[in-house]
Amino acid sequence: PGGAYGLAYDAKRSLAWVTLTGRNQVVGYDVRGGEPVEKYRFP
C-alpha cells in the first residue's frame, strides 16, 4: 500500500526497492523466500 511505482533490484542482497509515491517513501523487500519480507523503509 501507499502508491507502489518505482522499482529497482539489488542482486547482491536480493532486495527489491519499491517507491511509494503516495507516502514519499522507499521500501526494501527481501524477495528470496515464498513472499517478500520488508527489511528497510525510508522517507
PDB file of all heavy atoms in Angstrom:
ATOM      1  N   PRO A   1       0.822  -1.212   0.000  1.00  0.00           N
ATOM      2  CA  PRO A   1       0.000   0.000   0.000  1.00  0.00           C
ATOM      3  C   PRO A   1       0.859   1.266   0.000  1.00  0.00           C
ATOM      4  O   PRO A   1       2.015   1.248   0.413  1.00  0.00           O
ATOM      5  CB  PRO A   1      -0.801  -0.123   1.299  1.00  0.00           C
ATOM      6  CG  PRO A   1       0.041  -0.986   2.193  1.00  0.00           C
ATOM      7  CD  PRO A   1       0.751  -1.943   1.279  1.00  0.00           C
ATOM      8  N   GLY A   2       0.283   2.363  -0.480  1.00  0.00           N
ATOM      9  CA  GLY A   2       0.978   3.641  -0.427  1.00  0.00           C
ATOM     10  C   GLY A   2       1.413   4.179  -1.764  1.00  0.00           C
ATOM     11  O   GLY A   2       2.158   5.157  -1.826  1.00  0.00           O
ATOM     12  N   GLY A   3       0.957   3.553  -2.860  1.00  0.00           N
ATOM     13  CA  GLY A   3       1.309   4.072  -4.172  1.00  0.00           C
ATOM     14  C   GLY A   3       2.560   3.462  -4.761  1.00  0.00           C
ATOM     15  O   GLY A   3       3.459   4.182  -5.229  1.00  0.00           O
ATOM     16  N   ALA A   4       2.647   2.122  -4.763  1.00  0.00           N
ATOM     17  CA  ALA A   4       3.819   1.435  -5.334  1.00  0.00           C
ATOM     18  C   ALA A   4       4.031   1.856  -6.778  1.00  0.00           C
ATOM     19  O   ALA A   4       3.110   1.843  -7.584  1.00  0.00           O
ATOM     20  CB  ALA A   4       3.614  -0.082  -5.253  1.00  0.00           C
ATOM     21  N   TYR A   5       5.265   2.212  -7.127  1.00  0.00           N
ATOM     22  CA  TYR A   5       5.526   2.658  -8.503  1.00  0.00           C
ATOM     23  C   TYR A   5       6.943   2.325  -8.957  1.00  0.00           C
ATOM     24  O   TYR A   5       7.162   1.380  -9.693  1.00  0.00           O
ATOM     25  CB  TYR A   5       5.253   4.152  -8.637  1.00  0.00           C
ATOM     26  CG  TYR A   5       5.200   4.584 -10.094  1.00  0.00           C
ATOM     27  CD1 TYR A   5       4.098   4.285 -10.879  1.00  0.00           C
ATOM     28  CD2 TYR A   5       6.265   5.270 -10.691  1.00  0.00           C
ATOM     29  CE1 TYR A   5       4.051   4.644 -12.219  1.00  0.00           C
ATOM     30  CE2 TYR A   5       6.225   5.634 -12.029  1.00  0.00           C
ATOM     31  CZ  TYR A   5       5.118   5.320 -12.781  1.00  0.00           C
ATOM     32  OH  TYR A   5       5.070   5.666 -14.107  1.00  0.00           O
ATOM     33  N   GLY A   6       7.938   3.099  -8.544  1.00  0.00           N
ATOM     34  CA  GLY A   6       9.308   2.865  -8.979  1.00  0.00           C
ATOM     35  C   GLY A   6       9.847   1.544  -8.454  1.00  0.00           C
ATOM     36  O   GLY A   6       9.445   1.069  -7.385  1.00  0.00           O
ATOM     37  N   LEU A   7      10.798   0.941  -9.208  1.00  0.00           N
ATOM     38  CA  LEU A   7      11.272  -0.398  -8.867  1.00  0.00           C
ATOM     39  C   LEU A   7      12.723  -0.563  -9.303  1.00  0.00           C
ATOM     40  O   LEU A   7      13.096  -0.224 -10.422  1.00  0.00           O
ATOM     41  CB  LEU A   7      10.394  -1.442  -9.553  1.00  0.00           C
ATOM     42  CG  LEU A   7      10.691  -2.918  -9.325  1.00  0.00           C
ATOM     43  CD1 LEU A   7      10.551  -3.278  -7.851  1.00  0.00           C
ATOM     44  CD2 LEU A   7       9.751  -3.781 -10.164  1.00  0.00           C
ATOM     45  N   ALA A   8      13.540  -1.107  -8.389  1.00  0.00           N
ATOM     46  CA  ALA A   8      14.927  -1.446  -8.703  1.00  0.00           C
ATOM     47  C   ALA A   8      15.291  -2.694  -7.917  1.00  0.00           C
ATOM     48  O   ALA A   8      14.635  -3.035  -6.922  1.00  0.00           O
ATOM     49  CB  ALA A   8      15.871  -0.298  -8.354  1.00  0.00           C
ATOM     50  N   TYR A   9      16.365  -3.368  -8.348  1.00  0.00           N
ATOM     51  CA  TYR A   9      16.728  -4.640  -7.715  1.00  0.00           C
ATOM     52  C   TYR A   9      18.218  -4.676  -7.403  1.00  0.00           C
ATOM     53  O   TYR A   9      19.054  -4.387  -8.258  1.00  0.00           O
ATOM     54  CB  TYR A   9      16.356  -5.810  -8.626  1.00  0.00           C
ATOM     55  CG  TYR A   9      16.677  -7.153  -8.013  1.00  0.00           C
ATOM     56  CD1 TYR A   9      15.934  -7.650  -6.940  1.00  0.00           C
ATOM     57  CD2 TYR A   9      17.736  -7.922  -8.486  1.00  0.00           C
ATOM     58  CE1 TYR A   9      16.247  -8.872  -6.367  1.00  0.00           C
ATOM     59  CE2 TYR A   9      18.047  -9.150  -7.921  1.00  0.00           C
ATOM     60  CZ  TYR A   9      17.299  -9.616  -6.857  1.00  0.00           C
ATOM     61  OH  TYR A   9      17.610 -10.827  -6.282  1.00  0.00           O
ATOM     62  N   ASP A  10      18.526  -5.057  -6.158  1.00  0.00           N
ATOM     63  CA  ASP A  10      19.893  -5.251  -5.685  1.00  0.00           C
ATOM     64  C   ASP A  10      20.194  -6.745  -5.743  1.00  0.00           C
ATOM     65  O   ASP A  10      19.742  -7.517  -4.894  1.00  0.00           O
ATOM     66  CB  ASP A  10      20.008  -4.725  -4.252  1.00  0.00           C
ATOM     67  CG  ASP A  10      21.411  -4.841  -3.676  1.00  0.00           C
ATOM     68  OD1 ASP A  10      22.195  -5.678  -4.167  1.00  0.00           O
ATOM     69  OD2 ASP A  10      21.723  -4.121  -2.712  1.00  0.00           O
ATOM     70  N   ALA A  11      20.947  -7.155  -6.766  1.00  0.00           N
ATOM     71  CA  ALA A  11      21.193  -8.586  -6.978  1.00  0.00           C
ATOM     72  C   ALA A  11      22.070  -9.192  -5.890  1.00  0.00           C
ATOM     73  O   ALA A  11      21.951 -10.375  -5.573  1.00  0.00           O
ATOM     74  CB  ALA A  11      21.847  -8.795  -8.346  1.00  0.00           C
ATOM     75  N   LYS A  12      22.957  -8.415  -5.305  1.00  0.00           N
ATOM     76  CA  LYS A  12      23.864  -8.934  -4.283  1.00  0.00           C
ATOM     77  C   LYS A  12      23.134  -9.274  -2.996  1.00  0.00           C
ATOM     78  O   LYS A  12      23.477 -10.233  -2.302  1.00  0.00           O
ATOM     79  CB  LYS A  12      24.968  -7.908  -4.011  1.00  0.00           C
ATOM     80  CG  LYS A  12      26.059  -8.399  -3.081  1.00  0.00           C
ATOM     81  CD  LYS A  12      27.171  -7.369  -2.979  1.00  0.00           C
ATOM     82  CE  LYS A  12      28.300  -7.848  -2.075  1.00  0.00           C
ATOM     83  NZ  LYS A  12      29.400  -6.841  -1.998  1.00  0.00           N
ATOM     84  N   ARG A  13      22.074  -8.519  -2.694  1.00  0.00           N
ATOM     85  CA  ARG A  13      21.347  -8.692  -1.429  1.00  0.00           C
ATOM     86  C   ARG A  13      19.929  -9.216  -1.609  1.00  0.00           C
ATOM     87  O   ARG A  13      19.188  -9.329  -0.641  1.00  0.00           O
ATOM     88  CB  ARG A  13      21.322  -7.351  -0.684  1.00  0.00           C
ATOM     89  CG  ARG A  13      22.710  -6.862  -0.319  1.00  0.00           C
ATOM     90  CD  ARG A  13      22.746  -5.382   0.007  1.00  0.00           C
ATOM     91  NE  ARG A  13      24.120  -4.934   0.226  1.00  0.00           N
ATOM     92  CZ  ARG A  13      24.967  -4.621  -0.754  1.00  0.00           C
ATOM     93  NH1 ARG A  13      24.557  -4.683  -2.010  1.00  0.00           N
ATOM     94  NH2 ARG A  13      26.195  -4.253  -0.474  1.00  0.00           N
ATOM     95  N   SER A  14      19.542  -9.484  -2.831  1.00  0.00           N
ATOM     96  CA  SER A  14      18.193  -9.970  -3.163  1.00  0.00           C
ATOM     97  C   SER A  14      17.116  -9.031  -2.626  1.00  0.00           C
ATOM     98  O   SER A  14      16.086  -9.464  -2.109  1.00  0.00           O
ATOM     99  CB  SER A  14      17.973 -11.386  -2.618  1.00  0.00           C
ATOM    100  OG  SER A  14      18.848 -12.308  -3.220  1.00  0.00           O
ATOM    101  N   LEU A  15      17.355  -7.731  -2.792  1.00  0.00           N
ATOM    102  CA  LEU A  15      16.415  -6.724  -2.309  1.00  0.00           C
ATOM    103  C   LEU A  15      15.718  -6.039  -3.477  1.00  0.00           C
ATOM    104  O   LEU A  15      16.387  -5.552  -4.407  1.00  0.00           O
ATOM    105  CB  LEU A  15      17.133  -5.664  -1.477  1.00  0.00           C
ATOM    106  CG  LEU A  15      17.628  -6.061  -0.094  1.00  0.00           C
ATOM    107  CD1 LEU A  15      18.440  -4.926   0.520  1.00  0.00           C
ATOM    108  CD2 LEU A  15      16.462  -6.417   0.823  1.00  0.00           C
ATOM    109  N   ALA A  16      14.401  -6.009  -3.435  1.00  0.00           N
ATOM    110  CA  ALA A  16      13.620  -5.225  -4.385  1.00  0.00           C
ATOM    111  C   ALA A  16      13.267  -3.904  -3.705  1.00  0.00           C
ATOM    112  O   ALA A  16      12.650  -3.900  -2.631  1.00  0.00           O
ATOM    113  CB  ALA A  16      12.354  -5.968  -4.794  1.00  0.00           C
ATOM    114  N   TRP A  17      13.641  -2.797  -4.332  1.00  0.00           N
ATOM    115  CA  TRP A  17      13.351  -1.478  -3.778  1.00  0.00           C
ATOM    116  C   TRP A  17      12.156  -0.886  -4.519  1.00  0.00           C
ATOM    117  O   TRP A  17      12.178  -0.752  -5.742  1.00  0.00           O
ATOM    118  CB  TRP A  17      14.561  -0.562  -3.906  1.00  0.00           C
ATOM    119  CG  TRP A  17      15.658  -0.934  -2.955  1.00  0.00           C
ATOM    120  CD1 TRP A  17      16.741  -1.723  -3.208  1.00  0.00           C
ATOM    121  CD2 TRP A  17      15.759  -0.544  -1.577  1.00  0.00           C
ATOM    122  NE1 TRP A  17      17.515  -1.857  -2.080  1.00  0.00           N
ATOM    123  CE2 TRP A  17      16.948  -1.141  -1.065  1.00  0.00           C
ATOM    124  CE3 TRP A  17      14.977   0.240  -0.739  1.00  0.00           C
ATOM    125  CZ2 TRP A  17      17.356  -0.964   0.257  1.00  0.00           C
ATOM    126  CZ3 TRP A  17      15.387   0.417   0.577  1.00  0.00           C
ATOM    127  CH2 TRP A  17      16.558  -0.178   1.062  1.00  0.00           C
ATOM    128  N   VAL A  18      11.108  -0.548  -3.762  1.00  0.00           N
ATOM    129  CA  VAL A  18       9.855  -0.053  -4.319  1.00  0.00           C
ATOM    130  C   VAL A  18       9.583   1.337  -3.764  1.00  0.00           C
ATOM    131  O   VAL A  18       9.596   1.531  -2.539  1.00  0.00           O
ATOM    132  CB  VAL A  18       8.681  -0.988  -3.969  1.00  0.00           C
ATOM    133  CG1 VAL A  18       7.369  -0.467  -4.572  1.00  0.00           C
ATOM    134  CG2 VAL A  18       8.962  -2.414  -4.438  1.00  0.00           C
ATOM    135  N   THR A  19       9.332   2.307  -4.643  1.00  0.00           N
ATOM    136  CA  THR A  19       8.965   3.624  -4.153  1.00  0.00           C
ATOM    137  C   THR A  19       7.458   3.704  -3.945  1.00  0.00           C
ATOM    138  O   THR A  19       6.682   3.124  -4.703  1.00  0.00           O
ATOM    139  CB  THR A  19       9.398   4.745  -5.112  1.00  0.00           C
ATOM    140  OG1 THR A  19       8.670   4.648  -6.337  1.00  0.00           O
ATOM    141  CG2 THR A  19      10.884   4.675  -5.407  1.00  0.00           C
ATOM    142  N   LEU A  20       7.066   4.429  -2.908  1.00  0.00           N
ATOM    143  CA  LEU A  20       5.657   4.658  -2.584  1.00  0.00           C
ATOM    144  C   LEU A  20       5.394   6.149  -2.781  1.00  0.00           C
ATOM    145  O   LEU A  20       5.662   6.966  -1.899  1.00  0.00           O
ATOM    146  CB  LEU A  20       5.349   4.233  -1.148  1.00  0.00           C
ATOM    147  CG  LEU A  20       5.780   2.826  -0.741  1.00  0.00           C
ATOM    148  CD1 LEU A  20       5.377   2.540   0.702  1.00  0.00           C
ATOM    149  CD2 LEU A  20       5.191   1.781  -1.676  1.00  0.00           C
ATOM    150  N   THR A  21       4.877   6.509  -3.942  1.00  0.00           N
ATOM    151  CA  THR A  21       4.711   7.925  -4.249  1.00  0.00           C
ATOM    152  C   THR A  21       3.602   8.569  -3.431  1.00  0.00           C
ATOM    153  O   THR A  21       3.607   9.782  -3.226  1.00  0.00           O
ATOM    154  CB  THR A  21       4.440   8.129  -5.749  1.00  0.00           C
ATOM    155  OG1 THR A  21       3.229   7.464  -6.110  1.00  0.00           O
ATOM    156  CG2 THR A  21       5.582   7.580  -6.593  1.00  0.00           C
ATOM    157  N   GLY A  22       2.645   7.780  -2.955  1.00  0.00           N
ATOM    158  CA  GLY A  22       1.574   8.328  -2.143  1.00  0.00           C
ATOM    159  C   GLY A  22       2.001   8.624  -0.718  1.00  0.00           C
ATOM    160  O   GLY A  22       1.269   9.288   0.030  1.00  0.00           O
ATOM    161  N   ARG A  23       3.199   8.163  -0.338  1.00  0.00           N
ATOM    162  CA  ARG A  23       3.689   8.368   1.031  1.00  0.00           C
ATOM    163  C   ARG A  23       5.075   9.006   1.090  1.00  0.00           C
ATOM    164  O   ARG A  23       5.598   9.228   2.178  1.00  0.00           O
ATOM    165  CB  ARG A  23       3.735   7.034   1.775  1.00  0.00           C
ATOM    166  CG  ARG A  23       2.374   6.392   1.972  1.00  0.00           C
ATOM    167  CD  ARG A  23       2.499   5.081   2.742  1.00  0.00           C
ATOM    168  NE  ARG A  23       1.188   4.470   2.969  1.00  0.00           N
ATOM    169  CZ  ARG A  23       1.011   3.297   3.579  1.00  0.00           C
ATOM    170  NH1 ARG A  23       2.064   2.619   4.026  1.00  0.00           N
ATOM    171  NH2 ARG A  23      -0.209   2.812   3.734  1.00  0.00           N
ATOM    172  N   ASN A  24       5.703   9.260  -0.065  1.00  0.00           N
ATOM    173  CA  ASN A  24       7.084   9.748  -0.094  1.00  0.00           C
ATOM    174  C   ASN A  24       7.993   8.813   0.705  1.00  0.00           C
ATOM    175  O   ASN A  24       8.702   9.219   1.634  1.00  0.00           O
ATOM    176  CB  ASN A  24       7.172  11.174   0.455  1.00  0.00           C
ATOM    177  CG  ASN A  24       6.463  12.188  -0.419  1.00  0.00           C
ATOM    178  OD1 ASN A  24       6.476  12.082  -1.639  1.00  0.00           O
ATOM    179  ND2 ASN A  24       5.830  13.173   0.193  1.00  0.00           N
ATOM    180  N   GLN A  25       7.993   7.550   0.309  1.00  0.00           N
ATOM    181  CA  GLN A  25       8.808   6.539   0.961  1.00  0.00           C
ATOM    182  C   GLN A  25       9.412   5.598  -0.076  1.00  0.00           C
ATOM    183  O   GLN A  25       8.914   5.480  -1.208  1.00  0.00           O
ATOM    184  CB  GLN A  25       7.973   5.705   1.948  1.00  0.00           C
ATOM    185  CG  GLN A  25       7.468   6.471   3.147  1.00  0.00           C
ATOM    186  CD  GLN A  25       6.625   5.597   4.076  1.00  0.00           C
ATOM    187  OE1 GLN A  25       6.174   4.514   3.709  1.00  0.00           O
ATOM    188  NE2 GLN A  25       6.421   6.069   5.299  1.00  0.00           N
ATOM    189  N   VAL A  26      10.479   4.910   0.335  1.00  0.00           N
ATOM    190  CA  VAL A  26      11.020   3.802  -0.437  1.00  0.00           C
ATOM    191  C   VAL A  26      11.195   2.630   0.525  1.00  0.00           C
ATOM    192  O   VAL A  26      11.617   2.803   1.663  1.00  0.00           O
ATOM    193  CB  VAL A  26      12.353   4.175  -1.122  1.00  0.00           C
ATOM    194  CG1 VAL A  26      13.458   4.493  -0.112  1.00  0.00           C
ATOM    195  CG2 VAL A  26      12.790   3.087  -2.089  1.00  0.00           C
ATOM    196  N   VAL A  27      10.822   1.435   0.049  1.00  0.00           N
ATOM    197  CA  VAL A  27      10.834   0.246   0.892  1.00  0.00           C
ATOM    198  C   VAL A  27      11.694  -0.824   0.229  1.00  0.00           C
ATOM    199  O   VAL A  27      11.595  -1.055  -0.989  1.00  0.00           O
ATOM    200  CB  VAL A  27       9.403  -0.304   1.109  1.00  0.00           C
ATOM    201  CG1 VAL A  27       9.416  -1.454   2.115  1.00  0.00           C
ATOM    202  CG2 VAL A  27       8.470   0.801   1.586  1.00  0.00           C
ATOM    203  N   GLY A  28      12.534  -1.487   1.031  1.00  0.00           N
ATOM    204  CA  GLY A  28      13.351  -2.580   0.545  1.00  0.00           C
ATOM    205  C   GLY A  28      12.797  -3.911   1.000  1.00  0.00           C
ATOM    206  O   GLY A  28      12.630  -4.136   2.202  1.00  0.00           O
ATOM    207  N   TYR A  29      12.488  -4.805   0.039  1.00  0.00           N
ATOM    208  CA  TYR A  29      11.929  -6.124   0.334  1.00  0.00           C
ATOM    209  C   TYR A  29      12.923  -7.216  -0.041  1.00  0.00           C
ATOM    210  O   TYR A  29      13.444  -7.241  -1.167  1.00  0.00           O
ATOM    211  CB  TYR A  29      10.638  -6.365  -0.462  1.00  0.00           C
ATOM    212  CG  TYR A  29       9.480  -5.493  -0.057  1.00  0.00           C
ATOM    213  CD1 TYR A  29       9.143  -4.367  -0.811  1.00  0.00           C
ATOM    214  CD2 TYR A  29       8.704  -5.792   1.066  1.00  0.00           C
ATOM    215  CE1 TYR A  29       8.066  -3.569  -0.453  1.00  0.00           C
ATOM    216  CE2 TYR A  29       7.643  -4.990   1.431  1.00  0.00           C
ATOM    217  CZ  TYR A  29       7.327  -3.885   0.666  1.00  0.00           C
ATOM    218  OH  TYR A  29       6.258  -3.094   1.025  1.00  0.00           O
ATOM    219  N   ASP A  30      13.173  -8.125   0.897  1.00  0.00           N
ATOM    220  CA  ASP A  30      13.938  -9.328   0.604  1.00  0.00           C
ATOM    221  C   ASP A  30      13.007 -10.277  -0.151  1.00  0.00           C
ATOM    222  O   ASP A  30      11.943 -10.643   0.349  1.00  0.00           O
ATOM    223  CB  ASP A  30      14.406  -9.979   1.913  1.00  0.00           C
ATOM    224  CG  ASP A  30      15.373 -11.128   1.692  1.00  0.00           C
ATOM    225  OD1 ASP A  30      15.165 -11.908   0.739  1.00  0.00           O
ATOM    226  OD2 ASP A  30      16.315 -11.277   2.481  1.00  0.00           O
ATOM    227  N   VAL A  31      13.392 -10.680  -1.372  1.00  0.00           N
ATOM    228  CA  VAL A  31      12.498 -11.476  -2.213  1.00  0.00           C
ATOM    229  C   VAL A  31      13.007 -12.909  -2.401  1.00  0.00           C
ATOM    230  O   VAL A  31      12.625 -13.609  -3.334  1.00  0.00           O
ATOM    231  CB  VAL A  31      12.280 -10.813  -3.586  1.00  0.00           C
ATOM    232  CG1 VAL A  31      11.558  -9.480  -3.420  1.00  0.00           C
ATOM    233  CG2 VAL A  31      13.597 -10.617  -4.338  1.00  0.00           C
ATOM    234  N   ARG A  32      13.843 -13.388  -1.489  1.00  0.00           N
ATOM    235  CA  ARG A  32      14.384 -14.735  -1.635  1.00  0.00           C
ATOM    236  C   ARG A  32      13.387 -15.829  -1.285  1.00  0.00           C
ATOM    237  O   ARG A  32      13.498 -16.951  -1.775  1.00  0.00           O
ATOM    238  CB  ARG A  32      15.631 -14.896  -0.764  1.00  0.00           C
ATOM    239  CG  ARG A  32      16.843 -14.160  -1.277  1.00  0.00           C
ATOM    240  CD  ARG A  32      18.008 -14.243  -0.325  1.00  0.00           C
ATOM    241  NE  ARG A  32      17.767 -13.435   0.880  1.00  0.00           N
ATOM    242  CZ  ARG A  32      18.687 -13.208   1.811  1.00  0.00           C
ATOM    243  NH1 ARG A  32      19.893 -13.743   1.687  1.00  0.00           N
ATOM    244  NH2 ARG A  32      18.417 -12.445   2.858  1.00  0.00           N
ATOM    245  N   GLY A  33      12.436 -15.547  -0.413  1.00  0.00           N
ATOM    246  CA  GLY A  33      11.546 -16.582   0.098  1.00  0.00           C
ATOM    247  C   GLY A  33      10.226 -16.684  -0.637  1.00  0.00           C
ATOM    248  O   GLY A  33      10.066 -16.221  -1.772  1.00  0.00           O
ATOM    249  N   GLY A  34       9.259 -17.295   0.039  1.00  0.00           N
ATOM    250  CA  GLY A  34       7.948 -17.521  -0.550  1.00  0.00           C
ATOM    251  C   GLY A  34       7.129 -16.263  -0.702  1.00  0.00           C
ATOM    252  O   GLY A  34       6.168 -16.245  -1.480  1.00  0.00           O
ATOM    253  N   GLU A  35       7.479 -15.209   0.039  1.00  0.00           N
ATOM    254  CA  GLU A  35       6.844 -13.906  -0.115  1.00  0.00           C
ATOM    255  C   GLU A  35       7.840 -12.837   0.289  1.00  0.00           C
ATOM    256  O   GLU A  35       8.783 -13.104   1.053  1.00  0.00           O
ATOM    257  CB  GLU A  35       5.573 -13.802   0.718  1.00  0.00           C
ATOM    258  CG  GLU A  35       5.794 -13.783   2.211  1.00  0.00           C
ATOM    259  CD  GLU A  35       4.494 -13.600   2.984  1.00  0.00           C
ATOM    260  OE1 GLU A  35       3.455 -14.059   2.489  1.00  0.00           O
ATOM    261  OE2 GLU A  35       4.543 -12.989   4.055  1.00  0.00           O
ATOM    262  N   PRO A  36       7.682 -11.611  -0.228  1.00  0.00           N
ATOM    263  CA  PRO A  36       8.608 -10.543   0.143  1.00  0.00           C
ATOM    264  C   PRO A  36       8.575 -10.251   1.645  1.00  0.00           C
ATOM    265  O   PRO A  36       7.528 -10.357   2.294  1.00  0.00           O
ATOM    266  CB  PRO A  36       8.086  -9.339  -0.661  1.00  0.00           C
ATOM    267  CG  PRO A  36       7.352  -9.946  -1.805  1.00  0.00           C
ATOM    268  CD  PRO A  36       6.719 -11.195  -1.263  1.00  0.00           C
ATOM    269  N   VAL A  37       9.743  -9.892   2.184  1.00  0.00           N
ATOM    270  CA  VAL A  37       9.866  -9.535   3.604  1.00  0.00           C
ATOM    271  C   VAL A  37      10.471  -8.139   3.673  1.00  0.00           C
ATOM    272  O   VAL A  37      11.565  -7.897   3.145  1.00  0.00           O
ATOM    273  CB  VAL A  37      10.755 -10.539   4.363  1.00  0.00           C
ATOM    274  CG1 VAL A  37      10.939 -10.085   5.810  1.00  0.00           C
ATOM    275  CG2 VAL A  37      10.156 -11.942   4.313  1.00  0.00           C
ATOM    276  N   GLU A  38       9.757  -7.218   4.310  1.00  0.00           N
ATOM    277  CA  GLU A  38      10.260  -5.850   4.424  1.00  0.00           C
ATOM    278  C   GLU A  38      11.491  -5.804   5.314  1.00  0.00           C
ATOM    279  O   GLU A  38      11.491  -6.288   6.442  1.00  0.00           O
ATOM    280  CB  GLU A  38       9.178  -4.935   4.992  1.00  0.00           C
ATOM    281  CG  GLU A  38       9.631  -3.486   5.092  1.00  0.00           C
ATOM    282  CD  GLU A  38       8.549  -2.545   5.608  1.00  0.00           C
ATOM    283  OE1 GLU A  38       7.349  -2.805   5.329  1.00  0.00           O
ATOM    284  OE2 GLU A  38       8.899  -1.551   6.277  1.00  0.00           O
ATOM    285  N   LYS A  39      12.571  -5.191   4.780  1.00  0.00           N
ATOM    286  CA  LYS A  39      13.815  -5.035   5.524  1.00  0.00           C
ATOM    287  C   LYS A  39      14.122  -3.576   5.841  1.00  0.00           C
ATOM    288  O   LYS A  39      14.743  -3.279   6.870  1.00  0.00           O
ATOM    289  CB  LYS A  39      14.971  -5.627   4.725  1.00  0.00           C
ATOM    290  CG  LYS A  39      14.917  -7.139   4.552  1.00  0.00           C
ATOM    291  CD  LYS A  39      15.078  -7.856   5.885  1.00  0.00           C
ATOM    292  CE  LYS A  39      15.149  -9.350   5.696  1.00  0.00           C
ATOM    293  NZ  LYS A  39      15.311 -10.071   6.990  1.00  0.00           N
ATOM    294  N   TYR A  40      13.715  -2.676   4.956  1.00  0.00           N
ATOM    295  CA  TYR A  40      14.029  -1.259   5.128  1.00  0.00           C
ATOM    296  C   TYR A  40      12.848  -0.408   4.686  1.00  0.00           C
ATOM    297  O   TYR A  40      12.088  -0.801   3.795  1.00  0.00           O
ATOM    298  CB  TYR A  40      15.252  -0.849   4.292  1.00  0.00           C
ATOM    299  CG  TYR A  40      16.502  -1.624   4.579  1.00  0.00           C
ATOM    300  CD1 TYR A  40      16.896  -2.668   3.748  1.00  0.00           C
ATOM    301  CD2 TYR A  40      17.311  -1.307   5.665  1.00  0.00           C
ATOM    302  CE1 TYR A  40      18.064  -3.384   3.990  1.00  0.00           C
ATOM    303  CE2 TYR A  40      18.472  -2.012   5.920  1.00  0.00           C
ATOM    304  CZ  TYR A  40      18.835  -3.052   5.080  1.00  0.00           C
ATOM    305  OH  TYR A  40      19.992  -3.752   5.325  1.00  0.00           O
ATOM    306  N   ARG A  41      12.744   0.764   5.308  1.00  0.00           N
ATOM    307  CA  ARG A  41      11.757   1.766   4.898  1.00  0.00           C
ATOM    308  C   ARG A  41      12.328   3.141   5.239  1.00  0.00           C
ATOM    309  O   ARG A  41      12.711   3.397   6.385  1.00  0.00           O
ATOM    310  CB  ARG A  41      10.419   1.547   5.603  1.00  0.00           C
ATOM    311  CG  ARG A  41       9.305   2.509   5.152  1.00  0.00           C
ATOM    312  CD  ARG A  41       7.988   2.215   5.875  1.00  0.00           C
ATOM    313  NE  ARG A  41       7.443   0.922   5.472  1.00  0.00           N
ATOM    314  CZ  ARG A  41       6.457   0.749   4.610  1.00  0.00           C
ATOM    315  NH1 ARG A  41       5.872   1.810   4.059  1.00  0.00           N
ATOM    316  NH2 ARG A  41       6.015  -0.454   4.312  1.00  0.00           N
ATOM    317  N   PHE A  42      12.380   4.029   4.229  1.00  0.00           N
ATOM    318  CA  PHE A  42      12.972   5.341   4.421  1.00  0.00           C
ATOM    319  C   PHE A  42      12.071   6.429   3.850  1.00  0.00           C
ATOM    320  O   PHE A  42      11.420   6.223   2.817  1.00  0.00           O
ATOM    321  CB  PHE A  42      14.328   5.436   3.706  1.00  0.00           C
ATOM    322  CG  PHE A  42      15.365   4.482   4.214  1.00  0.00           C
ATOM    323  CD1 PHE A  42      15.692   3.351   3.467  1.00  0.00           C
ATOM    324  CD2 PHE A  42      16.022   4.702   5.416  1.00  0.00           C
ATOM    325  CE1 PHE A  42      16.652   2.461   3.916  1.00  0.00           C
ATOM    326  CE2 PHE A  42      16.990   3.816   5.877  1.00  0.00           C
ATOM    327  CZ  PHE A  42      17.302   2.693   5.128  1.00  0.00           C
ATOM    328  N   PRO A  43      12.064   7.617   4.479  1.00  0.00           N
ATOM    329  CA  PRO A  43      11.378   8.769   3.872  1.00  0.00           C
ATOM    330  C   PRO A  43      12.190   9.296   2.696  1.00  0.00           C
ATOM    331  O   PRO A  43      13.429   9.237   2.702  1.00  0.00           O
ATOM    332  CB  PRO A  43      11.328   9.789   5.019  1.00  0.00           C
ATOM    333  CG  PRO A  43      12.494   9.430   5.892  1.00  0.00           C
ATOM    334  CD  PRO A  43      12.641   7.931   5.798  1.00  0.00           C
TER     335      PRO A  43
END
